[in-house]
PDB file of all heavy atoms in Angstrom:
ATOM      1  N   THR A   1     103.403  90.119  83.947  1.00  0.00           N
ATOM      2  CA  THR A   1     102.671  91.287  83.532  1.00  0.00           C
ATOM      3  C   THR A   1     103.202  92.504  84.299  1.00  0.00           C
ATOM      4  O   THR A   1     103.353  92.489  85.490  1.00  0.00           O
ATOM      5  CB  THR A   1     101.191  91.144  83.840  1.00  0.00           C
ATOM      6  OG1 THR A   1     100.718  89.974  83.203  1.00  0.00           O
ATOM      7  CG2 THR A   1     100.431  92.363  83.373  1.00  0.00           C
ATOM      8  N   ASN A   2     103.545  93.573  83.573  1.00  0.00           N
ATOM      9  CA  ASN A   2     103.855  94.852  84.135  1.00  0.00           C
ATOM     10  C   ASN A   2     102.537  95.617  84.287  1.00  0.00           C
ATOM     11  O   ASN A   2     102.011  96.133  83.322  1.00  0.00           O
ATOM     12  CB  ASN A   2     104.838  95.646  83.226  1.00  0.00           C
ATOM     13  CG  ASN A   2     105.132  97.018  83.744  1.00  0.00           C
ATOM     14  OD1 ASN A   2     104.729  97.392  84.879  1.00  0.00           O
ATOM     15  ND2 ASN A   2     105.804  97.821  82.926  1.00  0.00           N
ATOM     16  N   THR A   3     102.044  95.648  85.507  1.00  0.00           N
ATOM     17  CA  THR A   3     100.746  96.328  85.755  1.00  0.00           C
ATOM     18  C   THR A   3     100.858  97.838  85.909  1.00  0.00           C
ATOM     19  O   THR A   3      99.864  98.486  86.110  1.00  0.00           O
ATOM     20  CB  THR A   3     100.074  95.731  86.994  1.00  0.00           C
ATOM     21  OG1 THR A   3     100.942  95.918  88.120  1.00  0.00           O
ATOM     22  CG2 THR A   3      99.800  94.248  86.823  1.00  0.00           C
ATOM     23  N   ALA A   4     102.102  98.332  85.858  1.00  0.00           N
ATOM     24  CA  ALA A   4     102.311  99.774  86.065  1.00  0.00           C
ATOM     25  C   ALA A   4     102.278 100.543  84.759  1.00  0.00           C
ATOM     26  O   ALA A   4     102.403  99.967  83.684  1.00  0.00           O
ATOM     27  CB  ALA A   4     103.662  99.979  86.745  1.00  0.00           C
ATOM     28  N   ASP A   5     102.178 101.819  84.866  1.00  0.00           N
ATOM     29  CA  ASP A   5     102.293 102.727  83.731  1.00  0.00           C
ATOM     30  C   ASP A   5     103.697 103.187  83.533  1.00  0.00           C
ATOM     31  O   ASP A   5     103.937 104.210  82.899  1.00  0.00           O
ATOM     32  CB  ASP A   5     101.326 103.924  83.887  1.00  0.00           C
ATOM     33  CG  ASP A   5      99.830 103.509  83.788  1.00  0.00           C
ATOM     34  OD1 ASP A   5      99.533 102.572  83.060  1.00  0.00           O
ATOM     35  OD2 ASP A   5      99.028 104.116  84.535  1.00  0.00           O
ATOM     36  N   ASP A   6     104.657 102.452  84.069  1.00  0.00           N
ATOM     37  CA  ASP A   6     106.070 102.809  83.991  1.00  0.00           C
ATOM     38  C   ASP A   6     106.801 101.685  83.152  1.00  0.00           C
ATOM     39  O   ASP A   6     106.315 100.608  83.038  1.00  0.00           O
ATOM     40  CB  ASP A   6     106.671 102.772  85.377  1.00  0.00           C
ATOM     41  CG  ASP A   6     106.054 103.817  86.289  1.00  0.00           C
ATOM     42  OD1 ASP A   6     105.890 104.940  85.853  1.00  0.00           O
ATOM     43  OD2 ASP A   6     105.765 103.469  87.428  1.00  0.00           O
ATOM     44  N   TYR A   7     107.931 102.074  82.644  1.00  0.00           N
ATOM     45  CA  TYR A   7     108.813 101.144  81.959  1.00  0.00           C
ATOM     46  C   TYR A   7     109.617 100.424  83.055  1.00  0.00           C
ATOM     47  O   TYR A   7     110.095 101.034  83.983  1.00  0.00           O
ATOM     48  CB  TYR A   7     109.784 101.875  81.034  1.00  0.00           C
ATOM     49  CG  TYR A   7     109.074 102.522  79.852  1.00  0.00           C
ATOM     50  CD1 TYR A   7     108.462 103.774  80.018  1.00  0.00           C
ATOM     51  CD2 TYR A   7     108.958 101.848  78.631  1.00  0.00           C
ATOM     52  CE1 TYR A   7     107.813 104.348  78.936  1.00  0.00           C
ATOM     53  CE2 TYR A   7     108.289 102.474  77.547  1.00  0.00           C
ATOM     54  CZ  TYR A   7     107.715 103.701  77.723  1.00  0.00           C
ATOM     55  OH  TYR A   7     107.080 104.285  76.676  1.00  0.00           O
ATOM     56  N   LYS A   8     109.772  99.103  82.933  1.00  0.00           N
ATOM     57  CA  LYS A   8     110.430  98.306  83.967  1.00  0.00           C
ATOM     58  C   LYS A   8     111.592  97.502  83.412  1.00  0.00           C
ATOM     59  O   LYS A   8     111.528  96.964  82.279  1.00  0.00           O
ATOM     60  CB  LYS A   8     109.426  97.322  84.608  1.00  0.00           C
ATOM     61  CG  LYS A   8     108.273  98.057  85.300  1.00  0.00           C
ATOM     62  CD  LYS A   8     108.723  98.753  86.572  1.00  0.00           C
ATOM     63  CE  LYS A   8     107.559  99.413  87.305  1.00  0.00           C
ATOM     64  NZ  LYS A   8     108.023 100.039  88.506  1.00  0.00           N
ATOM     65  N   ALA A   9     112.602  97.333  84.233  1.00  0.00           N
ATOM     66  CA  ALA A   9     113.685  96.410  84.063  1.00  0.00           C
ATOM     67  C   ALA A   9     113.554  95.340  85.116  1.00  0.00           C
ATOM     68  O   ALA A   9     113.494  95.641  86.306  1.00  0.00           O
ATOM     69  CB  ALA A   9     115.050  97.134  84.153  1.00  0.00           C
ATOM     70  N   VAL A  10     113.453  94.075  84.696  1.00  0.00           N
ATOM     71  CA  VAL A  10     113.280  92.981  85.638  1.00  0.00           C
ATOM     72  C   VAL A  10     114.321  91.891  85.409  1.00  0.00           C
ATOM     73  O   VAL A  10     114.758  91.660  84.259  1.00  0.00           O
ATOM     74  CB  VAL A  10     111.852  92.402  85.616  1.00  0.00           C
ATOM     75  CG1 VAL A  10     110.798  93.424  85.994  1.00  0.00           C
ATOM     76  CG2 VAL A  10     111.528  91.823  84.250  1.00  0.00           C
ATOM     77  N   LYS A  11     114.702  91.217  86.440  1.00  0.00           N
ATOM     78  CA  LYS A  11     115.651  90.114  86.354  1.00  0.00           C
ATOM     79  C   LYS A  11     114.803  88.816  86.355  1.00  0.00           C
ATOM     80  O   LYS A  11     113.939  88.617  87.193  1.00  0.00           O
ATOM     81  CB  LYS A  11     116.516  90.105  87.614  1.00  0.00           C
ATOM     82  CG  LYS A  11     117.454  88.898  87.772  1.00  0.00           C
ATOM     83  CD  LYS A  11     118.649  89.097  86.939  1.00  0.00           C
ATOM     84  CE  LYS A  11     119.744  88.214  87.413  1.00  0.00           C
ATOM     85  NZ  LYS A  11     120.932  88.399  86.604  1.00  0.00           N
ATOM     86  N   VAL A  12     115.018  87.958  85.372  1.00  0.00           N
ATOM     87  CA  VAL A  12     114.368  86.705  85.264  1.00  0.00           C
ATOM     88  C   VAL A  12     115.418  85.601  85.498  1.00  0.00           C
ATOM     89  O   VAL A  12     116.455  85.633  84.784  1.00  0.00           O
ATOM     90  CB  VAL A  12     113.676  86.488  83.897  1.00  0.00           C
ATOM     91  CG1 VAL A  12     113.015  85.161  83.808  1.00  0.00           C
ATOM     92  CG2 VAL A  12     112.734  87.631  83.610  1.00  0.00           C
ATOM     93  N   ARG A  13     115.238  84.732  86.463  1.00  0.00           N
ATOM     94  CA  ARG A  13     116.280  83.770  86.853  1.00  0.00           C
ATOM     95  C   ARG A  13     115.656  82.371  87.067  1.00  0.00           C
ATOM     96  O   ARG A  13     114.652  82.256  87.795  1.00  0.00           O
ATOM     97  CB  ARG A  13     116.938  84.265  88.125  1.00  0.00           C
ATOM     98  CG  ARG A  13     118.064  83.399  88.624  1.00  0.00           C
ATOM     99  CD  ARG A  13     118.726  84.121  89.799  1.00  0.00           C
ATOM    100  NE  ARG A  13     119.761  83.277  90.355  1.00  0.00           N
ATOM    101  CZ  ARG A  13     119.646  82.658  91.527  1.00  0.00           C
ATOM    102  NH1 ARG A  13     118.591  82.779  92.287  1.00  0.00           N
ATOM    103  NH2 ARG A  13     120.659  81.943  91.949  1.00  0.00           N
ATOM    104  N   PHE A  14     116.250  81.390  86.460  1.00  0.00           N
ATOM    105  CA  PHE A  14     115.810  79.992  86.629  1.00  0.00           C
ATOM    106  C   PHE A  14     116.903  79.205  87.327  1.00  0.00           C
ATOM    107  O   PHE A  14     118.092  79.347  86.984  1.00  0.00           O
ATOM    108  CB  PHE A  14     115.586  79.346  85.244  1.00  0.00           C
ATOM    109  CG  PHE A  14     114.487  79.974  84.474  1.00  0.00           C
ATOM    110  CD1 PHE A  14     114.732  81.091  83.697  1.00  0.00           C
ATOM    111  CD2 PHE A  14     113.152  79.474  84.536  1.00  0.00           C
ATOM    112  CE1 PHE A  14     113.693  81.670  82.949  1.00  0.00           C
ATOM    113  CE2 PHE A  14     112.163  80.103  83.804  1.00  0.00           C
ATOM    114  CZ  PHE A  14     112.444  81.177  83.019  1.00  0.00           C
ATOM    115  N   VAL A  15     116.534  78.418  88.326  1.00  0.00           N
ATOM    116  CA  VAL A  15     117.464  77.551  89.035  1.00  0.00           C
ATOM    117  C   VAL A  15     116.953  76.149  89.079  1.00  0.00           C
ATOM    118  O   VAL A  15     115.777  75.906  89.168  1.00  0.00           O
ATOM    119  CB  VAL A  15     117.784  78.075  90.485  1.00  0.00           C
ATOM    120  CG1 VAL A  15     118.432  79.472  90.427  1.00  0.00           C
ATOM    121  CG2 VAL A  15     116.538  78.122  91.327  1.00  0.00           C
ATOM    122  N   GLU A  16     117.893  75.190  89.070  1.00  0.00           N
ATOM    123  CA  GLU A  16     117.509  73.768  89.061  1.00  0.00           C
ATOM    124  C   GLU A  16     117.103  73.378  90.503  1.00  0.00           C
ATOM    125  O   GLU A  16     117.529  74.062  91.441  1.00  0.00           O
ATOM    126  CB  GLU A  16     118.599  72.908  88.519  1.00  0.00           C
ATOM    127  CG  GLU A  16     119.979  73.025  89.131  1.00  0.00           C
ATOM    128  CD  GLU A  16     120.219  72.187  90.353  1.00  0.00           C
ATOM    129  OE1 GLU A  16     119.658  71.073  90.422  1.00  0.00           O
ATOM    130  OE2 GLU A  16     121.013  72.619  91.210  1.00  0.00           O
ATOM    131  N   GLY A  17     116.413  72.267  90.627  1.00  0.00           N
ATOM    132  CA  GLY A  17     115.788  71.864  91.898  1.00  0.00           C
ATOM    133  C   GLY A  17     116.694  71.173  92.919  1.00  0.00           C
ATOM    134  O   GLY A  17     116.375  71.188  94.113  1.00  0.00           O
ATOM    135  N   GLN A  18     117.795  70.572  92.509  1.00  0.00           N
ATOM    136  CA  GLN A  18     118.590  69.801  93.440  1.00  0.00           C
ATOM    137  C   GLN A  18     119.435  70.670  94.369  1.00  0.00           C
ATOM    138  O   GLN A  18     119.406  70.476  95.573  1.00  0.00           O
ATOM    139  CB  GLN A  18     119.506  68.817  92.694  1.00  0.00           C
ATOM    140  CG  GLN A  18     120.295  67.911  93.610  1.00  0.00           C
ATOM    141  CD  GLN A  18     121.036  66.816  92.803  1.00  0.00           C
ATOM    142  OE1 GLN A  18     120.551  66.303  91.804  1.00  0.00           O
ATOM    143  NE2 GLN A  18     122.274  66.578  93.248  1.00  0.00           N
ATOM    144  N   ASN A  19     120.206  71.578  93.782  1.00  0.00           N
ATOM    145  CA  ASN A  19     121.096  72.426  94.622  1.00  0.00           C
ATOM    146  C   ASN A  19     120.912  73.919  94.308  1.00  0.00           C
ATOM    147  O   ASN A  19     121.780  74.719  94.677  1.00  0.00           O
ATOM    148  CB  ASN A  19     122.554  72.061  94.400  1.00  0.00           C
ATOM    149  CG  ASN A  19     122.883  70.725  95.025  1.00  0.00           C
ATOM    150  OD1 ASN A  19     122.332  70.334  96.043  1.00  0.00           O
ATOM    151  ND2 ASN A  19     123.833  69.997  94.440  1.00  0.00           N
ATOM    152  N   SER A  20     119.866  74.297  93.637  1.00  0.00           N
ATOM    153  CA  SER A  20     119.597  75.703  93.262  1.00  0.00           C
ATOM    154  C   SER A  20     120.717  76.329  92.458  1.00  0.00           C
ATOM    155  O   SER A  20     121.012  77.509  92.569  1.00  0.00           O
ATOM    156  CB  SER A  20     119.328  76.548  94.491  1.00  0.00           C
ATOM    157  OG  SER A  20     118.142  76.153  95.123  1.00  0.00           O
ATOM    158  N   ALA A  21     121.299  75.546  91.571  1.00  0.00           N
ATOM    159  CA  ALA A  21     122.340  76.095  90.646  1.00  0.00           C
ATOM    160  C   ALA A  21     121.592  76.872  89.543  1.00  0.00           C
ATOM    161  O   ALA A  21     120.558  76.371  89.034  1.00  0.00           O
ATOM    162  CB  ALA A  21     123.146  74.988  90.017  1.00  0.00           C
ATOM    163  N   GLU A  22     122.052  78.037  89.231  1.00  0.00           N
ATOM    164  CA  GLU A  22     121.473  78.861  88.182  1.00  0.00           C
ATOM    165  C   GLU A  22     121.638  78.195  86.806  1.00  0.00           C
ATOM    166  O   GLU A  22     122.735  77.803  86.457  1.00  0.00           O
ATOM    167  CB  GLU A  22     122.111  80.216  88.173  1.00  0.00           C
ATOM    168  CG  GLU A  22     121.431  81.243  87.298  1.00  0.00           C
ATOM    169  CD  GLU A  22     122.064  82.628  87.486  1.00  0.00           C
ATOM    170  OE1 GLU A  22     121.708  83.268  88.481  1.00  0.00           O
ATOM    171  OE2 GLU A  22     122.873  82.973  86.649  1.00  0.00           O
ATOM    172  N   VAL A  23     120.528  78.092  86.038  1.00  0.00           N
ATOM    173  CA  VAL A  23     120.602  77.468  84.737  1.00  0.00           C
ATOM    174  C   VAL A  23     120.309  78.464  83.617  1.00  0.00           C
ATOM    175  O   VAL A  23     120.605  78.207  82.468  1.00  0.00           O
ATOM    176  CB  VAL A  23     119.670  76.250  84.665  1.00  0.00           C
ATOM    177  CG1 VAL A  23     120.200  75.163  85.595  1.00  0.00           C
ATOM    178  CG2 VAL A  23     118.219  76.534  84.922  1.00  0.00           C
ATOM    179  N   LEU A  24     119.673  79.602  83.949  1.00  0.00           N
ATOM    180  CA  LEU A  24     119.416  80.646  82.972  1.00  0.00           C
ATOM    181  C   LEU A  24     119.010  81.908  83.719  1.00  0.00           C
ATOM    182  O   LEU A  24     118.250  81.870  84.663  1.00  0.00           O
ATOM    183  CB  LEU A  24     118.296  80.240  82.004  1.00  0.00           C
ATOM    184  CG  LEU A  24     117.851  81.298  80.967  1.00  0.00           C
ATOM    185  CD1 LEU A  24     119.002  81.594  79.985  1.00  0.00           C
ATOM    186  CD2 LEU A  24     116.589  80.853  80.239  1.00  0.00           C
ATOM    187  N   ASP A  25     119.591  83.060  83.296  1.00  0.00           N
ATOM    188  CA  ASP A  25     119.061  84.310  83.781  1.00  0.00           C
ATOM    189  C   ASP A  25     119.319  85.387  82.745  1.00  0.00           C
ATOM    190  O   ASP A  25     120.176  85.283  81.913  1.00  0.00           O
ATOM    191  CB  ASP A  25     119.756  84.684  85.145  1.00  0.00           C
ATOM    192  CG  ASP A  25     121.114  85.233  84.965  1.00  0.00           C
ATOM    193  OD1 ASP A  25     122.010  84.492  84.576  1.00  0.00           O
ATOM    194  OD2 ASP A  25     121.284  86.473  85.224  1.00  0.00           O
ATOM    195  N   PHE A  26     118.442  86.380  82.790  1.00  0.00           N
ATOM    196  CA  PHE A  26     118.555  87.519  81.871  1.00  0.00           C
ATOM    197  C   PHE A  26     117.766  88.690  82.418  1.00  0.00           C
ATOM    198  O   PHE A  26     116.985  88.544  83.365  1.00  0.00           O
ATOM    199  CB  PHE A  26     118.091  87.147  80.459  1.00  0.00           C
ATOM    200  CG  PHE A  26     116.704  86.636  80.356  1.00  0.00           C
ATOM    201  CD1 PHE A  26     115.607  87.476  80.186  1.00  0.00           C
ATOM    202  CD2 PHE A  26     116.444  85.281  80.502  1.00  0.00           C
ATOM    203  CE1 PHE A  26     114.334  86.964  80.111  1.00  0.00           C
ATOM    204  CE2 PHE A  26     115.166  84.758  80.422  1.00  0.00           C
ATOM    205  CZ  PHE A  26     114.102  85.603  80.228  1.00  0.00           C
ATOM    206  N   HIS A  27     117.997  89.861  81.866  1.00  0.00           N
ATOM    207  CA  HIS A  27     117.268  91.076  82.239  1.00  0.00           C
ATOM    208  C   HIS A  27     116.246  91.319  81.137  1.00  0.00           C
ATOM    209  O   HIS A  27     116.567  91.315  79.945  1.00  0.00           O
ATOM    210  CB  HIS A  27     118.204  92.281  82.352  1.00  0.00           C
ATOM    211  CG  HIS A  27     119.323  92.017  83.316  1.00  0.00           C
ATOM    212  ND1 HIS A  27     120.602  92.362  83.050  1.00  0.00           N
ATOM    213  CD2 HIS A  27     119.380  91.401  84.505  1.00  0.00           C
ATOM    214  CE1 HIS A  27     121.379  91.997  84.028  1.00  0.00           C
ATOM    215  NE2 HIS A  27     120.660  91.424  84.920  1.00  0.00           N
ATOM    216  N   LEU A  28     115.030  91.559  81.552  1.00  0.00           N
ATOM    217  CA  LEU A  28     113.889  91.777  80.599  1.00  0.00           C
ATOM    218  C   LEU A  28     113.405  93.220  80.755  1.00  0.00           C
ATOM    219  O   LEU A  28     113.259  93.712  81.876  1.00  0.00           O
ATOM    220  CB  LEU A  28     112.781  90.800  80.950  1.00  0.00           C
ATOM    221  CG  LEU A  28     111.432  90.932  80.228  1.00  0.00           C
ATOM    222  CD1 LEU A  28     111.619  90.635  78.744  1.00  0.00           C
ATOM    223  CD2 LEU A  28     110.419  89.995  80.859  1.00  0.00           C
ATOM    224  N   TYR A  29     113.187  93.880  79.657  1.00  0.00           N
ATOM    225  CA  TYR A  29     112.729  95.252  79.646  1.00  0.00           C
ATOM    226  C   TYR A  29     111.309  95.295  79.137  1.00  0.00           C
ATOM    227  O   TYR A  29     111.012  94.870  78.019  1.00  0.00           O
ATOM    228  CB  TYR A  29     113.654  96.116  78.751  1.00  0.00           C
ATOM    229  CG  TYR A  29     115.025  96.134  79.422  1.00  0.00           C
ATOM    230  CD1 TYR A  29     115.970  95.170  79.178  1.00  0.00           C
ATOM    231  CD2 TYR A  29     115.348  97.164  80.342  1.00  0.00           C
ATOM    232  CE1 TYR A  29     117.191  95.159  79.843  1.00  0.00           C
ATOM    233  CE2 TYR A  29     116.559  97.168  80.979  1.00  0.00           C
ATOM    234  CZ  TYR A  29     117.468  96.168  80.726  1.00  0.00           C
ATOM    235  OH  TYR A  29     118.684  96.166  81.381  1.00  0.00           O
ATOM    236  N   MET A  30     110.377  95.867  79.966  1.00  0.00           N
ATOM    237  CA  MET A  30     108.974  95.840  79.692  1.00  0.00           C
ATOM    238  C   MET A  30     108.383  97.236  79.542  1.00  0.00           C
ATOM    239  O   MET A  30     108.665  98.113  80.338  1.00  0.00           O
ATOM    240  CB  MET A  30     108.245  95.055  80.797  1.00  0.00           C
ATOM    241  CG  MET A  30     108.745  93.634  80.922  1.00  0.00           C
ATOM    242  SD  MET A  30     107.836  92.709  82.224  1.00  0.00           S
ATOM    243  CE  MET A  30     106.326  92.377  81.311  1.00  0.00           C
ATOM    244  N   SER A  31     107.537  97.376  78.553  1.00  0.00           N
ATOM    245  CA  SER A  31     106.759  98.602  78.355  1.00  0.00           C
ATOM    246  C   SER A  31     105.660  98.685  79.439  1.00  0.00           C
ATOM    247  O   SER A  31     105.383  97.731  80.080  1.00  0.00           O
ATOM    248  CB  SER A  31     106.088  98.562  76.968  1.00  0.00           C
ATOM    249  OG  SER A  31     106.968  98.601  75.919  1.00  0.00           O
ATOM    250  N   PRO A  32     105.081  99.858  79.613  1.00  0.00           N
ATOM    251  CA  PRO A  32     103.948  99.963  80.528  1.00  0.00           C
ATOM    252  C   PRO A  32     102.827  99.029  80.109  1.00  0.00           C
ATOM    253  O   PRO A  32     102.546  98.846  78.946  1.00  0.00           O
ATOM    254  CB  PRO A  32     103.535 101.458  80.367  1.00  0.00           C
ATOM    255  CG  PRO A  32     104.740 102.178  79.898  1.00  0.00           C
ATOM    256  CD  PRO A  32     105.468 101.184  79.040  1.00  0.00           C
ATOM    257  N   GLN A  33     102.238  98.401  81.096  1.00  0.00           N
ATOM    258  CA  GLN A  33     101.102  97.490  80.847  1.00  0.00           C
ATOM    259  C   GLN A  33     101.406  96.353  79.930  1.00  0.00           C
ATOM    260  O   GLN A  33     100.568  95.780  79.238  1.00  0.00           O
ATOM    261  CB  GLN A  33      99.839  98.241  80.358  1.00  0.00           C
ATOM    262  CG  GLN A  33      99.404  99.383  81.265  1.00  0.00           C
ATOM    263  CD  GLN A  33      98.987  98.917  82.640  1.00  0.00           C
ATOM    264  OE1 GLN A  33      98.321  97.851  82.771  1.00  0.00           O
ATOM    265  NE2 GLN A  33      99.336  99.679  83.651  1.00  0.00           N
ATOM    266  N   ASP A  34     102.679  95.951  79.909  1.00  0.00           N
ATOM    267  CA  ASP A  34     103.183  94.900  78.998  1.00  0.00           C
ATOM    268  C   ASP A  34     102.982  93.521  79.616  1.00  0.00           C
ATOM    269  O   ASP A  34     103.001  93.366  80.820  1.00  0.00           O
ATOM    270  CB  ASP A  34     104.668  95.141  78.749  1.00  0.00           C
ATOM    271  CG  ASP A  34     105.285  94.337  77.604  1.00  0.00           C
ATOM    272  OD1 ASP A  34     104.510  93.662  76.895  1.00  0.00           O
ATOM    273  OD2 ASP A  34     106.483  94.435  77.452  1.00  0.00           O
ATOM    274  N   VAL A  35     102.782  92.536  78.760  1.00  0.00           N
ATOM    275  CA  VAL A  35     102.744  91.117  79.164  1.00  0.00           C
ATOM    276  C   VAL A  35     103.787  90.373  78.404  1.00  0.00           C
ATOM    277  O   VAL A  35     103.864  90.467  77.191  1.00  0.00           O
ATOM    278  CB  VAL A  35     101.338  90.486  78.925  1.00  0.00           C
ATOM    279  CG1 VAL A  35     101.346  89.064  79.257  1.00  0.00           C
ATOM    280  CG2 VAL A  35     100.243  91.263  79.651  1.00  0.00           C
ATOM    281  N   TRP A  36     104.625  89.627  79.135  1.00  0.00           N
ATOM    282  CA  TRP A  36     105.711  88.839  78.500  1.00  0.00           C
ATOM    283  C   TRP A  36     105.369  87.362  78.789  1.00  0.00           C
ATOM    284  O   TRP A  36     104.974  87.012  79.911  1.00  0.00           O
ATOM    285  CB  TRP A  36     107.040  89.169  79.094  1.00  0.00           C
ATOM    286  CG  TRP A  36     108.169  88.334  78.575  1.00  0.00           C
ATOM    287  CD1 TRP A  36     108.835  88.552  77.411  1.00  0.00           C
ATOM    288  CD2 TRP A  36     108.716  87.168  79.123  1.00  0.00           C
ATOM    289  NE1 TRP A  36     109.790  87.571  77.260  1.00  0.00           N
ATOM    290  CE2 TRP A  36     109.746  86.700  78.283  1.00  0.00           C
ATOM    291  CE3 TRP A  36     108.404  86.437  80.276  1.00  0.00           C
ATOM    292  CZ2 TRP A  36     110.464  85.554  78.549  1.00  0.00           C
ATOM    293  CZ3 TRP A  36     109.158  85.279  80.539  1.00  0.00           C
ATOM    294  CH2 TRP A  36     110.180  84.848  79.666  1.00  0.00           C
ATOM    295  N   THR A  37     105.433  86.519  77.769  1.00  0.00           N
ATOM    296  CA  THR A  37     105.108  85.092  77.898  1.00  0.00           C
ATOM    297  C   THR A  37     106.176  84.214  77.335  1.00  0.00           C
ATOM    298  O   THR A  37     106.986  84.624  76.449  1.00  0.00           O
ATOM    299  CB  THR A  37     103.772  84.753  77.218  1.00  0.00           C
ATOM    300  OG1 THR A  37     103.892  85.045  75.813  1.00  0.00           O
ATOM    301  CG2 THR A  37     102.622  85.533  77.782  1.00  0.00           C
ATOM    302  N   GLY A  38     106.263  82.987  77.858  1.00  0.00           N
ATOM    303  CA  GLY A  38     107.204  82.025  77.346  1.00  0.00           C
ATOM    304  C   GLY A  38     106.772  80.626  77.809  1.00  0.00           C
ATOM    305  O   GLY A  38     105.837  80.484  78.614  1.00  0.00           O
TER     306      GLY A  38
END
C-alpha cells in the first residue's frame, strides 16, 4: 500500500531461501493511496 499522497516508484524483489539468489524483480509504479496485490 502506498499510504502517501505522492506517486511512488518501488523495487519489488523475490529471492529463494537457500542462497538468496534473485528469482524475480521489477519496478512497480503506484498512484497516491494505491494498493497493489498479487
